Every structure is written in structure tokens, then in C-alpha cells.
N, C-alpha and C. Protein backbone atom coordinates (compact mmCIF):
# COMPACT_ATOMS: atom_id res chain seq x y z
N MET A 1 83.56 102.24 85.72
CA MET A 1 83.29 100.96 85.11
C MET A 1 83.37 99.83 86.14
N ILE A 2 84.34 99.89 87.02
CA ILE A 2 84.45 98.84 88.02
C ILE A 2 84.04 99.32 89.41
N SER A 3 83.57 100.55 89.50
CA SER A 3 83.15 101.09 90.80
C SER A 3 82.08 100.26 91.47
N PRO A 4 81.05 99.79 90.75
CA PRO A 4 80.05 98.95 91.41
C PRO A 4 80.64 97.66 91.98
N LEU A 5 81.59 97.08 91.25
CA LEU A 5 82.23 95.87 91.73
C LEU A 5 83.05 96.13 92.98
N ILE A 6 83.79 97.22 92.98
CA ILE A 6 84.60 97.58 94.14
C ILE A 6 83.71 97.83 95.35
N ALA A 7 82.58 98.48 95.13
CA ALA A 7 81.65 98.75 96.22
C ALA A 7 81.12 97.44 96.81
N LEU A 8 80.83 96.47 95.96
CA LEU A 8 80.36 95.18 96.45
C LEU A 8 81.43 94.46 97.26
N ILE A 9 82.66 94.50 96.76
CA ILE A 9 83.77 93.82 97.44
C ILE A 9 84.09 94.50 98.76
N ASP A 10 83.99 95.83 98.82
CA ASP A 10 84.23 96.55 100.07
C ASP A 10 83.28 96.11 101.17
N GLY A 11 82.09 95.69 100.79
CA GLY A 11 81.10 95.26 101.77
C GLY A 11 81.33 93.85 102.30
N CYS A 12 82.28 93.14 101.73
CA CYS A 12 82.56 91.76 102.15
C CYS A 12 83.52 91.75 103.33
N GLU A 13 83.38 90.71 104.15
CA GLU A 13 84.23 90.61 105.34
C GLU A 13 85.45 89.72 105.14
N ASP A 14 85.37 88.76 104.21
CA ASP A 14 86.52 87.88 103.99
C ASP A 14 86.55 87.41 102.53
N PHE A 15 87.62 86.67 102.19
CA PHE A 15 87.81 86.23 100.82
C PHE A 15 86.70 85.30 100.35
N ASN A 16 86.23 84.42 101.23
CA ASN A 16 85.18 83.49 100.84
C ASN A 16 83.91 84.22 100.43
N GLU A 17 83.59 85.28 101.12
CA GLU A 17 82.42 86.07 100.78
C GLU A 17 82.60 86.73 99.41
N VAL A 18 83.81 87.23 99.15
CA VAL A 18 84.11 87.82 97.84
C VAL A 18 83.98 86.77 96.75
N TYR A 19 84.53 85.58 97.00
CA TYR A 19 84.47 84.50 96.02
C TYR A 19 83.03 84.13 95.69
N GLU A 20 82.21 83.99 96.72
CA GLU A 20 80.79 83.67 96.52
C GLU A 20 80.09 84.77 95.74
N LEU A 21 80.40 86.01 96.05
CA LEU A 21 79.80 87.15 95.36
C LEU A 21 80.14 87.12 93.88
N LEU A 22 81.41 86.91 93.56
CA LEU A 22 81.83 86.88 92.17
C LEU A 22 81.21 85.70 91.43
N THR A 23 81.07 84.56 92.12
CA THR A 23 80.46 83.39 91.51
C THR A 23 78.98 83.64 91.25
N ASP A 24 78.30 84.26 92.22
CA ASP A 24 76.88 84.56 92.05
C ASP A 24 76.63 85.53 90.91
N LYS A 25 77.54 86.45 90.68
CA LYS A 25 77.40 87.44 89.62
C LYS A 25 77.92 86.91 88.28
N ASN A 26 78.33 85.65 88.25
CA ASN A 26 78.90 85.03 87.04
C ASN A 26 80.10 85.79 86.51
N LEU A 27 80.91 86.33 87.41
CA LEU A 27 82.12 87.03 86.99
C LEU A 27 83.30 86.06 87.04
N HIS A 28 83.41 85.31 86.01
CA HIS A 28 84.52 84.37 85.91
C HIS A 28 85.80 85.14 85.65
N SER A 29 86.93 84.53 85.88
CA SER A 29 88.20 85.25 85.82
C SER A 29 88.43 85.92 84.46
N LYS A 30 88.10 85.28 83.36
CA LYS A 30 88.31 85.89 82.04
C LYS A 30 87.48 87.16 81.89
N GLN A 31 86.23 87.10 82.28
CA GLN A 31 85.36 88.27 82.18
C GLN A 31 85.86 89.37 83.09
N PHE A 32 86.29 89.01 84.29
CA PHE A 32 86.81 89.99 85.25
C PHE A 32 88.08 90.63 84.71
N GLU A 33 88.97 89.83 84.13
CA GLU A 33 90.21 90.35 83.56
C GLU A 33 89.92 91.31 82.41
N GLN A 34 88.95 90.99 81.57
CA GLN A 34 88.60 91.87 80.46
C GLN A 34 88.04 93.19 80.96
N THR A 35 87.24 93.13 82.01
CA THR A 35 86.69 94.37 82.58
C THR A 35 87.81 95.24 83.14
N LEU A 36 88.77 94.62 83.83
CA LEU A 36 89.90 95.37 84.37
C LEU A 36 90.76 95.96 83.26
N GLN A 37 90.97 95.21 82.19
CA GLN A 37 91.74 95.72 81.06
C GLN A 37 91.08 96.96 80.47
N LYS A 38 89.76 96.91 80.31
CA LYS A 38 89.04 98.06 79.76
C LYS A 38 89.17 99.26 80.69
N ALA A 39 89.03 99.02 81.99
CA ALA A 39 89.11 100.12 82.95
C ALA A 39 90.50 100.74 82.94
N LEU A 40 91.55 99.92 82.92
CA LEU A 40 92.92 100.44 82.88
C LEU A 40 93.19 101.20 81.59
N PHE A 41 92.68 100.70 80.49
CA PHE A 41 92.85 101.38 79.21
C PHE A 41 92.20 102.77 79.26
N LEU A 42 90.97 102.83 79.78
CA LEU A 42 90.27 104.11 79.88
C LEU A 42 91.00 105.07 80.81
N CYS A 43 91.55 104.55 81.90
CA CYS A 43 92.32 105.39 82.83
C CYS A 43 93.56 105.95 82.15
N GLU A 44 94.23 105.12 81.36
CA GLU A 44 95.42 105.57 80.66
C GLU A 44 95.07 106.65 79.63
N LEU A 45 93.99 106.45 78.91
CA LEU A 45 93.55 107.46 77.96
C LEU A 45 93.22 108.78 78.66
N GLN A 46 92.54 108.69 79.79
CA GLN A 46 92.19 109.89 80.53
C GLN A 46 93.44 110.60 81.02
N GLY A 47 94.43 109.85 81.51
CA GLY A 47 95.67 110.43 81.96
C GLY A 47 96.42 111.15 80.84
N ARG A 48 96.45 110.52 79.69
CA ARG A 48 97.12 111.16 78.54
C ARG A 48 96.37 112.39 78.08
N SER A 49 95.06 112.32 78.12
CA SER A 49 94.24 113.47 77.74
C SER A 49 94.46 114.63 78.70
N ASP A 50 94.52 114.33 79.98
CA ASP A 50 94.76 115.38 80.99
C ASP A 50 96.15 116.00 80.81
N GLY A 51 97.11 115.21 80.36
CA GLY A 51 98.46 115.70 80.16
C GLY A 51 98.58 116.64 78.97
N LEU A 52 97.66 116.53 78.03
CA LEU A 52 97.68 117.38 76.85
C LEU A 52 97.07 118.75 77.10
N GLU A 53 96.28 118.85 78.14
CA GLU A 53 95.60 120.13 78.41
C GLU A 53 96.46 121.09 79.14
């Protein structure tokens, strides 16, 4: 879910470039936080599911 974002950030050389990238993609902090919450929730579910097997 956040892999494309991480790949974009990995290609940046400094914080200003990351900031510009996030601004250009209209990823405001609330939207970014919601995306991270969803990703963490899915990771937790996957971890619990793996533990049951």
C-alpha cells in the first residue's frame, strides 16, 4: 500500500526534495497519516493471521 510512496522517497536526496514530492502528489499530512494507519492495520492483521497458522 505504501510501497510506491517509499520508492519515491528513496529516490530523493534530501528533505526538501521529499517535501516537494509530497506537495506535488497532494499528500497532505492527514491523508498521509490515514494511509499509514491503514498500512499498519493491514500489517497487524497479517501478523495475527500468520500466528494462527
